[in-house]
Amino acid sequence: MKPIFCPKCGSPDIHPAMGGMLGTYQCKKCGYVGTLIIQKEFIKTMDNETNSLEKQTKS
């Protein structure tokens, strides 16, 4: 499942309202209630891992 965020304040502290039965969400930080949420997909890059591996092999 992708992490979800509040469309009003951007907080990740958003949860299904009324037990999730109506498809509405409520933000604990700003009080937003609605059906619209933001889902983000995080992509891990290999740049830092590759650079640290190259440094280790050169030593």
C-alpha atoms as a PDB file:
ATOM      1  CA  MET A   1       0.000   0.000   0.000  1.00  0.00           C
ATOM      2  CA  LYS A   2       1.283   3.449  -0.898  1.00  0.00           C
ATOM      3  CA  PRO A   3       1.594   6.011   1.894  1.00  0.00           C
ATOM      4  CA  ILE A   4      -1.295   8.481   1.993  1.00  0.00           C
ATOM      5  CA  PHE A   5      -1.225  12.180   2.856  1.00  0.00           C
ATOM      6  CA  CYS A   6      -3.754  14.904   3.601  1.00  0.00           C
ATOM      7  CA  PRO A   7      -4.447  17.095   0.539  1.00  0.00           C
ATOM      8  CA  LYS A   8      -4.940  20.161   2.756  1.00  0.00           C
ATOM      9  CA  CYS A   9      -1.871  20.127   5.017  1.00  0.00           C
ATOM     10  CA  GLY A  10       0.271  17.258   3.656  1.00  0.00           C
ATOM     11  CA  SER A  11       0.286  15.346   6.946  1.00  0.00           C
ATOM     12  CA  PRO A  12       0.650  11.554   6.847  1.00  0.00           C
ATOM     13  CA  ASP A  13      -1.588  11.379   9.948  1.00  0.00           C
ATOM     14  CA  ILE A  14      -4.764  10.706   7.927  1.00  0.00           C
ATOM     15  CA  HIS A  15      -7.061   7.767   8.617  1.00  0.00           C
ATOM     16  CA  PRO A  16     -10.369   6.342   7.384  1.00  0.00           C
ATOM     17  CA  ALA A  17     -13.314   8.177   8.967  1.00  0.00           C
ATOM     18  CA  MET A  18     -16.341   6.288  10.297  1.00  0.00           C
ATOM     19  CA  GLY A  19     -14.549   2.972  10.073  1.00  0.00           C
ATOM     20  CA  GLY A  20     -13.756   3.446   6.398  1.00  0.00           C
ATOM     21  CA  MET A  21     -17.283   2.476   5.370  1.00  0.00           C
ATOM     22  CA  LEU A  22     -17.964   5.574   3.250  1.00  0.00           C
ATOM     23  CA  GLY A  23     -14.520   5.981   1.711  1.00  0.00           C
ATOM     24  CA  THR A  24     -13.897   9.213   3.587  1.00  0.00           C
ATOM     25  CA  TYR A  25     -10.720  10.103   5.414  1.00  0.00           C
ATOM     26  CA  GLN A  26     -10.009  12.388   8.364  1.00  0.00           C
ATOM     27  CA  CYS A  27      -6.744  14.199   9.054  1.00  0.00           C
ATOM     28  CA  LYS A  28      -5.772  14.246  12.719  1.00  0.00           C
ATOM     29  CA  LYS A  29      -3.577  17.332  12.230  1.00  0.00           C
ATOM     30  CA  CYS A  30      -5.835  19.839  10.433  1.00  0.00           C
ATOM     31  CA  GLY A  31      -9.272  18.203  10.707  1.00  0.00           C
ATOM     32  CA  TYR A  32      -9.807  17.704   6.961  1.00  0.00           C
ATOM     33  CA  VAL A  33     -12.613  15.249   6.165  1.00  0.00           C
ATOM     34  CA  GLY A  34     -13.197  14.095   2.606  1.00  0.00           C
ATOM     35  CA  THR A  35     -12.735  11.443  -0.030  1.00  0.00           C
ATOM     36  CA  LEU A  36      -9.717  13.020  -1.714  1.00  0.00           C
ATOM     37  CA  ILE A  37      -6.298  11.878  -0.474  1.00  0.00           C
ATOM     38  CA  ILE A  38      -2.795  12.007  -1.896  1.00  0.00           C
ATOM     39  CA  GLN A  39      -0.884   8.764  -2.492  1.00  0.00           C
ATOM     40  CA  LYS A  40       2.842   8.952  -3.088  1.00  0.00           C
ATOM     41  CA  GLU A  41       5.186   6.319  -4.400  1.00  0.00           C
ATOM     42  CA  PHE A  42       8.734   6.509  -3.156  1.00  0.00           C
ATOM     43  CA  ILE A  43      11.514   5.346  -5.436  1.00  0.00           C
ATOM     44  CA  LYS A  44      14.789   4.439  -3.802  1.00  0.00           C
ATOM     45  CA  THR A  45      17.797   5.496  -5.827  1.00  0.00           C
ATOM     46  CA  MET A  46      20.982   3.527  -6.029  1.00  0.00           C
ATOM     47  CA  ASP A  47      23.290   6.571  -6.358  1.00  0.00           C
ATOM     48  CA  ASN A  48      24.319   6.767  -2.695  1.00  0.00           C
ATOM     49  CA  GLU A  49      24.727   3.011  -2.382  1.00  0.00           C
ATOM     50  CA  THR A  50      26.823   2.833  -5.560  1.00  0.00           C
ATOM     51  CA  ASN A  51      29.053   5.708  -4.446  1.00  0.00           C
ATOM     52  CA  SER A  52      29.702   4.182  -1.012  1.00  0.00           C
ATOM     53  CA  LEU A  53      30.443   0.785  -2.609  1.00  0.00           C
ATOM     54  CA  GLU A  54      32.957   2.385  -5.006  1.00  0.00           C
ATOM     55  CA  LYS A  55      34.677   4.122  -2.074  1.00  0.00           C
ATOM     56  CA  GLN A  56      34.954   0.824  -0.190  1.00  0.00           C
ATOM     57  CA  THR A  57      36.471  -1.039  -3.135  1.00  0.00           C
ATOM     58  CA  LYS A  58      39.052   1.718  -3.803  1.00  0.00           C
ATOM     59  CA  SER A  59      40.337   1.604  -0.215  1.00  0.00           C
END
